[in-house]
Every structure is written in C-alpha cells, then in structure tokens.
C-alpha cells in the first residue's frame, strides 16, 4: 500500500510519513517503496507483450495505435530534453495500445523530451511489424506511409470516425497512466529511476483494467 500511495500521490516524503498510519521512519519508507517499485516494474515483460496485440484480431492491417507521451522531470535545462507539450524538461515514452482490447502492449523509452515521435518509431516499433502490418498514429508520424496510418489517410466519413474512436481509446490508456501523479508532476528522484516508476505504473494499470 505504501508503494501505491507513493505512486498515486507523489507527495514530499515528510507528507507521506505524516499521512501513513504508524508514521514510519523516512528511511524505512523509502527503502520499501523503491524495492516494491522495482519488483513491480520487473513484471513488464509478462504483462506488456507485443504478441497480445492479436487479441480480438478481426483481420485489419493495423492492430495497434502508437503515440509518444511526455512527462516532466527535474533536470538542468537542456533543449534536447525540452518537451513541446509543456515547454520544460521532460522524458518521452512510446506507448502502443491494442486497438481491440484497449490494453497497452508496447512500451519503448525513455527518450529525451525533444525527440520526435517519428524518429522513435523508426528505431524500434517499425522493425517488429510483420509483413503488411501497420500501426495507427496521429499526424506527427507522417512520412512512413508503408508502416504508419495517419488521420489524413481516411478517405470516407466512416473511416474518419473509426480513426477518431481508435485515437480516443489510446488517449484513455494514456490518461489512466497519468492518474498516477508520479507521471504527471515534475519527477524529482533522478532520471535513472523514472523508467522504473513508469513501467511499474504501466503494469499496475494494465493488470487492473
């Protein structure tokens, strides 16, 4: 419970101690919280599986939507880390959501906040697609028409509606992640720990939905 409390509210440590029954020593609280975050993050691979994109497959070439999600971090200002979404330092992760199930099946990162989404996709997810397979994404991914379908590809009103619904499902998955304040507030525990926290939250949200 300490770990969920920490991830969900991401208070200052002195506030955490005051609000937890028994008022544990800060050192004890810190030790066990980080041990459990690490343990939960290690469940990424059994829980987040690229093969799960086939769940409910109805024969469409695109099984997954992808998008980058940015999260603020404390860091000496660096233009390469600067996210255009909040105009300050951040880390970016690429998230893939199964279109049929709505579950996260792909996580890649972290990357510096200033990295372009399309460049990230070219580094990994495009390379794991089967022959003829594509992914759905927003207009920021224009330039890989053989692998990535974007909104302007829709030729009919029906197709535009389908794409809108698909993107909405992806946003729902992203929003579930950011219900955890540790991914929404400015992260203050060092860049090396952010990935562990992100993956722990992905595991939690995926196994509880």
C-alpha atoms as a PDB file:
ATOM      1  CA  UNK A   1       0.000   0.000   0.000  1.00  0.00           C
ATOM      2  CA  UNK A   2       2.896   2.371   0.688  1.00  0.00           C
ATOM      3  CA  UNK A   3       4.051   1.943  -2.918  1.00  0.00           C
ATOM      4  CA  UNK A   4       0.629   2.622  -4.424  1.00  0.00           C
ATOM      5  CA  UNK A   5       0.239   5.645  -2.159  1.00  0.00           C
ATOM      6  CA  UNK A   6       3.634   6.970  -3.267  1.00  0.00           C
ATOM      7  CA  UNK A   7       2.979   6.441  -6.992  1.00  0.00           C
ATOM      8  CA  UNK A   8      -0.559   7.773  -6.881  1.00  0.00           C
ATOM      9  CA  UNK A   9       0.033  10.974  -4.878  1.00  0.00           C
ATOM     10  CA  UNK A  10       3.804  11.568  -5.170  1.00  0.00           C
ATOM     11  CA  UNK A  11       3.933  13.790  -2.108  1.00  0.00           C
ATOM     12  CA  UNK A  12       7.046  15.066  -0.420  1.00  0.00           C
ATOM     13  CA  UNK A  13       8.461  12.386   1.889  1.00  0.00           C
ATOM     14  CA  UNK A  14       7.624  14.271   5.069  1.00  0.00           C
ATOM     15  CA  UNK A  15       3.989  14.463   3.930  1.00  0.00           C
ATOM     16  CA  UNK A  16       3.961  10.753   3.163  1.00  0.00           C
ATOM     17  CA  UNK A  17       5.157   9.905   6.654  1.00  0.00           C
ATOM     18  CA  UNK A  18       2.581  12.141   8.318  1.00  0.00           C
ATOM     19  CA  UNK A  19      -0.298  10.616   6.361  1.00  0.00           C
ATOM     20  CA  UNK A  20       0.575   6.940   6.800  1.00  0.00           C
ATOM     21  CA  UNK A  21      -0.660   5.036   9.817  1.00  0.00           C
ATOM     22  CA  UNK A  22       2.156   4.335  12.230  1.00  0.00           C
ATOM     23  CA  UNK A  23       4.314   7.194  10.880  1.00  0.00           C
ATOM     24  CA  UNK A  24       7.175   5.021   9.565  1.00  0.00           C
ATOM     25  CA  UNK A  25      10.723   6.332   9.578  1.00  0.00           C
ATOM     26  CA  UNK A  26      11.552   8.069   6.276  1.00  0.00           C
ATOM     27  CA  UNK A  27      14.487   5.749   5.626  1.00  0.00           C
ATOM     28  CA  UNK A  28      12.276   2.685   6.098  1.00  0.00           C
ATOM     29  CA  UNK A  29       9.515   4.116   3.920  1.00  0.00           C
ATOM     30  CA  UNK A  30      11.971   4.995   1.158  1.00  0.00           C
ATOM     31  CA  UNK A  31      13.652   1.580   1.242  1.00  0.00           C
ATOM     32  CA  UNK A  32      10.486  -0.491   0.892  1.00  0.00           C
ATOM     33  CA  UNK A  33       8.748   1.781  -1.585  1.00  0.00           C
ATOM     34  CA  UNK A  34      11.631   1.620  -4.042  1.00  0.00           C
ATOM     35  CA  UNK A  35      12.082  -2.122  -3.573  1.00  0.00           C
ATOM     36  CA  UNK A  36       8.444  -2.701  -4.475  1.00  0.00           C
ATOM     37  CA  UNK A  37       8.523  -0.264  -7.410  1.00  0.00           C
ATOM     38  CA  UNK A  38      11.478  -2.191  -8.801  1.00  0.00           C
ATOM     39  CA  UNK A  39       9.733  -5.543  -8.262  1.00  0.00           C
ATOM     40  CA  UNK A  40       6.537  -4.358  -9.986  1.00  0.00           C
ATOM     41  CA  UNK A  41       8.484  -2.887 -12.908  1.00  0.00           C
ATOM     42  CA  UNK A  42      10.123  -6.290 -13.489  1.00  0.00           C
ATOM     43  CA  UNK A  43       6.658  -7.638 -14.367  1.00  0.00           C
ATOM     44  CA  UNK A  44       6.676  -5.563 -17.558  1.00  0.00           C
ATOM     45  CA  UNK A  45       7.561  -8.440 -19.855  1.00  0.00           C
ATOM     46  CA  UNK A  46       4.943 -10.976 -18.759  1.00  0.00           C
ATOM     47  CA  UNK A  47       2.272  -8.247 -18.601  1.00  0.00           C
ATOM     48  CA  UNK A  48       3.184  -5.987 -21.550  1.00  0.00           C
ATOM     49  CA  UNK A  49       3.568  -8.323 -24.504  1.00  0.00           C
ATOM     50  CA  UNK A  50       3.713  -7.366 -28.185  1.00  0.00           C
ATOM     51  CA  UNK A  51       2.055 -10.692 -29.022  1.00  0.00           C
ATOM     52  CA  UNK A  52      -1.059  -9.565 -27.145  1.00  0.00           C
ATOM     53  CA  UNK A  53      -1.818  -7.156 -29.991  1.00  0.00           C
ATOM     54  CA  UNK A  54      -3.566 -10.069 -31.720  1.00  0.00           C
ATOM     55  CA  UNK A  55      -6.295 -10.221 -29.072  1.00  0.00           C
ATOM     56  CA  UNK A  56      -9.629  -9.817 -30.838  1.00  0.00           C
ATOM     57  CA  UNK A  57      -7.905  -9.521 -34.227  1.00  0.00           C
ATOM     58  CA  UNK A  58     -10.505  -9.076 -36.980  1.00  0.00           C
ATOM     59  CA  UNK A  59      -8.070  -9.058 -39.886  1.00  0.00           C
ATOM     60  CA  UNK A  60      -7.217  -5.347 -40.098  1.00  0.00           C
ATOM     61  CA  UNK A  61      -3.635  -4.461 -41.102  1.00  0.00           C
ATOM     62  CA  UNK A  62      -3.317  -2.150 -38.082  1.00  0.00           C
ATOM     63  CA  UNK A  63      -3.598  -3.871 -34.707  1.00  0.00           C
ATOM     64  CA  UNK A  64      -2.038  -1.165 -32.539  1.00  0.00           C
ATOM     65  CA  UNK A  65      -2.068   2.599 -32.068  1.00  0.00           C
ATOM     66  CA  UNK A  66       1.189   4.264 -31.079  1.00  0.00           C
ATOM     67  CA  UNK A  67       1.944   7.659 -29.599  1.00  0.00           C
ATOM     68  CA  UNK A  68       4.555   9.433 -27.566  1.00  0.00           C
ATOM     69  CA  UNK A  69       3.698  10.547 -24.045  1.00  0.00           C
ATOM     70  CA  UNK A  70       5.770  13.231 -22.310  1.00  0.00           C
ATOM     71  CA  UNK A  71       6.400  13.560 -18.578  1.00  0.00           C
ATOM     72  CA  UNK A  72       8.087  16.441 -16.722  1.00  0.00           C
ATOM     73  CA  UNK A  73      11.357  15.872 -14.875  1.00  0.00           C
ATOM     74  CA  UNK A  74      13.746  17.934 -12.791  1.00  0.00           C
ATOM     75  CA  UNK A  75      16.894  18.386 -14.833  1.00  0.00           C
ATOM     76  CA  UNK A  76      19.304  21.140 -15.735  1.00  0.00           C
ATOM     77  CA  UNK A  77      17.707  22.875 -18.732  1.00  0.00           C
ATOM     78  CA  UNK A  78      18.686  21.223 -21.976  1.00  0.00           C
ATOM     79  CA  UNK A  79      16.968  21.952 -25.324  1.00  0.00           C
ATOM     80  CA  UNK A  80      17.194  18.255 -26.199  1.00  0.00           C
ATOM     81  CA  UNK A  81      15.104  17.406 -23.133  1.00  0.00           C
ATOM     82  CA  UNK A  82      12.615  20.206 -23.708  1.00  0.00           C
ATOM     83  CA  UNK A  83       9.129  18.864 -24.405  1.00  0.00           C
ATOM     84  CA  UNK A  84       6.959  20.969 -26.699  1.00  0.00           C
ATOM     85  CA  UNK A  85       3.929  19.809 -24.711  1.00  0.00           C
ATOM     86  CA  UNK A  86       4.862  21.714 -21.554  1.00  0.00           C
ATOM     87  CA  UNK A  87       7.938  23.681 -22.678  1.00  0.00           C
ATOM     88  CA  UNK A  88      10.261  22.383 -19.992  1.00  0.00           C
ATOM     89  CA  UNK A  89      12.463  19.353 -19.433  1.00  0.00           C
ATOM     90  CA  UNK A  90      10.784  16.012 -19.871  1.00  0.00           C
ATOM     91  CA  UNK A  91      11.149  12.382 -20.796  1.00  0.00           C
ATOM     92  CA  UNK A  92       9.188  10.744 -23.603  1.00  0.00           C
ATOM     93  CA  UNK A  93       7.950   7.180 -23.903  1.00  0.00           C
ATOM     94  CA  UNK A  94       6.412   5.472 -26.899  1.00  0.00           C
ATOM     95  CA  UNK A  95       3.260   3.587 -25.944  1.00  0.00           C
ATOM     96  CA  UNK A  96       1.398   1.080 -28.103  1.00  0.00           C
ATOM     97  CA  UNK A  97      -2.233   0.161 -27.386  1.00  0.00           C
ATOM     98  CA  UNK A  98      -4.081  -2.821 -28.840  1.00  0.00           C
ATOM     99  CA  UNK A  99      -6.987  -1.431 -30.864  1.00  0.00           C
ATOM    100  CA  UNK A 100      -9.365  -4.261 -29.982  1.00  0.00           C
ATOM    101  CA  UNK A 101      -8.596  -4.709 -26.261  1.00  0.00           C
ATOM    102  CA  UNK A 102      -7.535  -1.181 -25.307  1.00  0.00           C
ATOM    103  CA  UNK A 103      -4.598  -2.584 -23.340  1.00  0.00           C
ATOM    104  CA  UNK A 104      -1.003  -1.412 -23.554  1.00  0.00           C
ATOM    105  CA  UNK A 105       1.080  -3.960 -25.478  1.00  0.00           C
ATOM    106  CA  UNK A 106       4.203  -1.914 -26.262  1.00  0.00           C
ATOM    107  CA  UNK A 107       6.457   0.416 -24.268  1.00  0.00           C
ATOM    108  CA  UNK A 108       9.675   1.966 -25.550  1.00  0.00           C
ATOM    109  CA  UNK A 109      11.841   4.516 -23.785  1.00  0.00           C
ATOM    110  CA  UNK A 110      12.639   6.728 -22.102  1.00  0.00           C
ATOM    111  CA  UNK A 111      13.851   9.248 -24.654  1.00  0.00           C
ATOM    112  CA  UNK A 112      14.681  12.909 -24.262  1.00  0.00           C
ATOM    113  CA  UNK A 113      11.572  15.068 -24.350  1.00  0.00           C
ATOM    114  CA  UNK A 114      12.665  16.861 -27.524  1.00  0.00           C
ATOM    115  CA  UNK A 115      12.917  13.666 -29.577  1.00  0.00           C
ATOM    116  CA  UNK A 116      10.487  13.431 -32.490  1.00  0.00           C
ATOM    117  CA  UNK A 117       7.836  10.709 -32.275  1.00  0.00           C
ATOM    118  CA  UNK A 118       8.547   9.502 -35.815  1.00  0.00           C
ATOM    119  CA  UNK A 119      12.266   9.083 -35.099  1.00  0.00           C
ATOM    120  CA  UNK A 120      11.422   6.941 -32.084  1.00  0.00           C
ATOM    121  CA  UNK A 121       9.059   4.775 -34.126  1.00  0.00           C
ATOM    122  CA  UNK A 122      11.747   4.235 -36.738  1.00  0.00           C
ATOM    123  CA  UNK A 123      14.150   2.974 -34.076  1.00  0.00           C
ATOM    124  CA  UNK A 124      12.058   0.027 -32.903  1.00  0.00           C
ATOM    125  CA  UNK A 125       8.339  -0.479 -33.490  1.00  0.00           C
ATOM    126  CA  UNK A 126       8.520  -0.321 -37.291  1.00  0.00           C
ATOM    127  CA  UNK A 127      11.149  -3.051 -37.182  1.00  0.00           C
ATOM    128  CA  UNK A 128       8.936  -5.510 -35.297  1.00  0.00           C
ATOM    129  CA  UNK A 129       5.923  -5.244 -37.616  1.00  0.00           C
ATOM    130  CA  UNK A 130       5.027  -8.322 -39.645  1.00  0.00           C
ATOM    131  CA  UNK A 131       4.943  -8.082 -43.438  1.00  0.00           C
ATOM    132  CA  UNK A 132       1.931  -5.990 -44.428  1.00  0.00           C
ATOM    133  CA  UNK A 133       1.225  -4.957 -40.836  1.00  0.00           C
ATOM    134  CA  UNK A 134       0.800  -1.285 -39.926  1.00  0.00           C
ATOM    135  CA  UNK A 135       0.112   0.844 -36.857  1.00  0.00           C
ATOM    136  CA  UNK A 136      -2.277   3.759 -36.385  1.00  0.00           C
ATOM    137  CA  UNK A 137      -0.886   7.106 -35.204  1.00  0.00           C
ATOM    138  CA  UNK A 138      -1.536  10.839 -35.304  1.00  0.00           C
ATOM    139  CA  UNK A 139      -0.368  13.300 -37.943  1.00  0.00           C
ATOM    140  CA  UNK A 140       3.024  13.724 -36.286  1.00  0.00           C
ATOM    141  CA  UNK A 141       4.017  10.355 -37.725  1.00  0.00           C
ATOM    142  CA  UNK A 142       3.621  11.369 -41.381  1.00  0.00           C
ATOM    143  CA  UNK A 143       6.447  10.054 -43.546  1.00  0.00           C
ATOM    144  CA  UNK A 144       6.211   6.274 -43.168  1.00  0.00           C
ATOM    145  CA  UNK A 145       3.132   5.546 -45.257  1.00  0.00           C
ATOM    146  CA  UNK A 146       4.025   1.859 -45.688  1.00  0.00           C
ATOM    147  CA  UNK A 147       4.047   1.269 -41.930  1.00  0.00           C
ATOM    148  CA  UNK A 148       2.045   4.010 -40.219  1.00  0.00           C
ATOM    149  CA  UNK A 149      -1.532   5.064 -40.955  1.00  0.00           C
ATOM    150  CA  UNK A 150      -2.362   8.663 -40.014  1.00  0.00           C
ATOM    151  CA  UNK A 151      -5.702  10.555 -39.888  1.00  0.00           C
ATOM    152  CA  UNK A 152      -5.421  12.126 -43.345  1.00  0.00           C
ATOM    153  CA  UNK A 153      -5.283   8.638 -44.882  1.00  0.00           C
ATOM    154  CA  UNK A 154      -9.007   8.233 -44.173  1.00  0.00           C
ATOM    155  CA  UNK A 155     -10.972   8.581 -47.417  1.00  0.00           C
ATOM    156  CA  UNK A 156     -14.542   8.299 -46.135  1.00  0.00           C
ATOM    157  CA  UNK A 157     -16.526   9.695 -43.225  1.00  0.00           C
ATOM    158  CA  UNK A 158     -16.822   6.185 -41.795  1.00  0.00           C
ATOM    159  CA  UNK A 159     -13.059   5.697 -41.845  1.00  0.00           C
ATOM    160  CA  UNK A 160     -12.520   9.108 -40.230  1.00  0.00           C
ATOM    161  CA  UNK A 161     -14.931   8.159 -37.472  1.00  0.00           C
ATOM    162  CA  UNK A 162     -13.156   4.844 -36.886  1.00  0.00           C
ATOM    163  CA  UNK A 163      -9.805   6.618 -36.624  1.00  0.00           C
ATOM    164  CA  UNK A 164     -11.253   9.127 -34.150  1.00  0.00           C
ATOM    165  CA  UNK A 165     -12.590   6.335 -31.946  1.00  0.00           C
ATOM    166  CA  UNK A 166      -9.278   4.488 -32.164  1.00  0.00           C
ATOM    167  CA  UNK A 167      -7.297   7.550 -31.105  1.00  0.00           C
ATOM    168  CA  UNK A 168      -9.760   8.159 -28.292  1.00  0.00           C
ATOM    169  CA  UNK A 169      -9.068   4.674 -26.917  1.00  0.00           C
ATOM    170  CA  UNK A 170      -5.364   5.423 -26.956  1.00  0.00           C
ATOM    171  CA  UNK A 171      -5.893   8.678 -25.068  1.00  0.00           C
ATOM    172  CA  UNK A 172      -7.907   6.764 -22.482  1.00  0.00           C
ATOM    173  CA  UNK A 173      -4.931   4.461 -21.892  1.00  0.00           C
ATOM    174  CA  UNK A 174      -2.589   7.459 -21.561  1.00  0.00           C
ATOM    175  CA  UNK A 175      -4.969   9.160 -19.161  1.00  0.00           C
ATOM    176  CA  UNK A 176      -5.059   6.070 -16.941  1.00  0.00           C
ATOM    177  CA  UNK A 177      -1.291   6.312 -16.602  1.00  0.00           C
ATOM    178  CA  UNK A 178      -1.394   9.953 -15.632  1.00  0.00           C
ATOM    179  CA  UNK A 179      -3.917   9.342 -12.891  1.00  0.00           C
ATOM    180  CA  UNK A 180      -0.710   8.490 -11.048  1.00  0.00           C
ATOM    181  CA  UNK A 181       0.747  11.831 -10.059  1.00  0.00           C
ATOM    182  CA  UNK A 182       4.294  10.498 -10.232  1.00  0.00           C
ATOM    183  CA  UNK A 183       3.917  10.592 -14.051  1.00  0.00           C
ATOM    184  CA  UNK A 184       2.146  13.945 -14.131  1.00  0.00           C
ATOM    185  CA  UNK A 185       4.069  16.035 -11.599  1.00  0.00           C
ATOM    186  CA  UNK A 186       7.681  17.028 -12.091  1.00  0.00           C
ATOM    187  CA  UNK A 187       9.751  13.951 -11.237  1.00  0.00           C
ATOM    188  CA  UNK A 188      12.399  14.754  -8.610  1.00  0.00           C
ATOM    189  CA  UNK A 189      14.137  11.435  -7.973  1.00  0.00           C
ATOM    190  CA  UNK A 190      16.684  11.325 -10.792  1.00  0.00           C
ATOM    191  CA  UNK A 191      16.241  10.312 -14.413  1.00  0.00           C
ATOM    192  CA  UNK A 192      17.516   6.783 -13.811  1.00  0.00           C
ATOM    193  CA  UNK A 193      14.516   5.982 -11.580  1.00  0.00           C
ATOM    194  CA  UNK A 194      11.842   7.390 -13.870  1.00  0.00           C
ATOM    195  CA  UNK A 195      11.774   4.411 -16.211  1.00  0.00           C
ATOM    196  CA  UNK A 196      11.254   2.065 -13.271  1.00  0.00           C
ATOM    197  CA  UNK A 197       8.317   4.147 -11.998  1.00  0.00           C
ATOM    198  CA  UNK A 198       6.787   4.443 -15.462  1.00  0.00           C
ATOM    199  CA  UNK A 199       6.915   0.722 -16.055  1.00  0.00           C
ATOM    200  CA  UNK A 200       5.522  -0.023 -12.611  1.00  0.00           C
ATOM    201  CA  UNK A 201       2.525   2.208 -13.334  1.00  0.00           C
ATOM    202  CA  UNK A 202       2.009   0.586 -16.754  1.00  0.00           C
ATOM    203  CA  UNK A 203       1.963  -2.845 -15.103  1.00  0.00           C
ATOM    204  CA  UNK A 204      -0.481  -1.688 -12.414  1.00  0.00           C
ATOM    205  CA  UNK A 205      -2.911  -0.025 -14.837  1.00  0.00           C
ATOM    206  CA  UNK A 206      -2.787  -2.927 -17.286  1.00  0.00           C
ATOM    207  CA  UNK A 207      -3.460  -5.593 -14.655  1.00  0.00           C
ATOM    208  CA  UNK A 208      -6.302  -3.664 -13.032  1.00  0.00           C
ATOM    209  CA  UNK A 209      -8.359  -2.807 -16.131  1.00  0.00           C
END
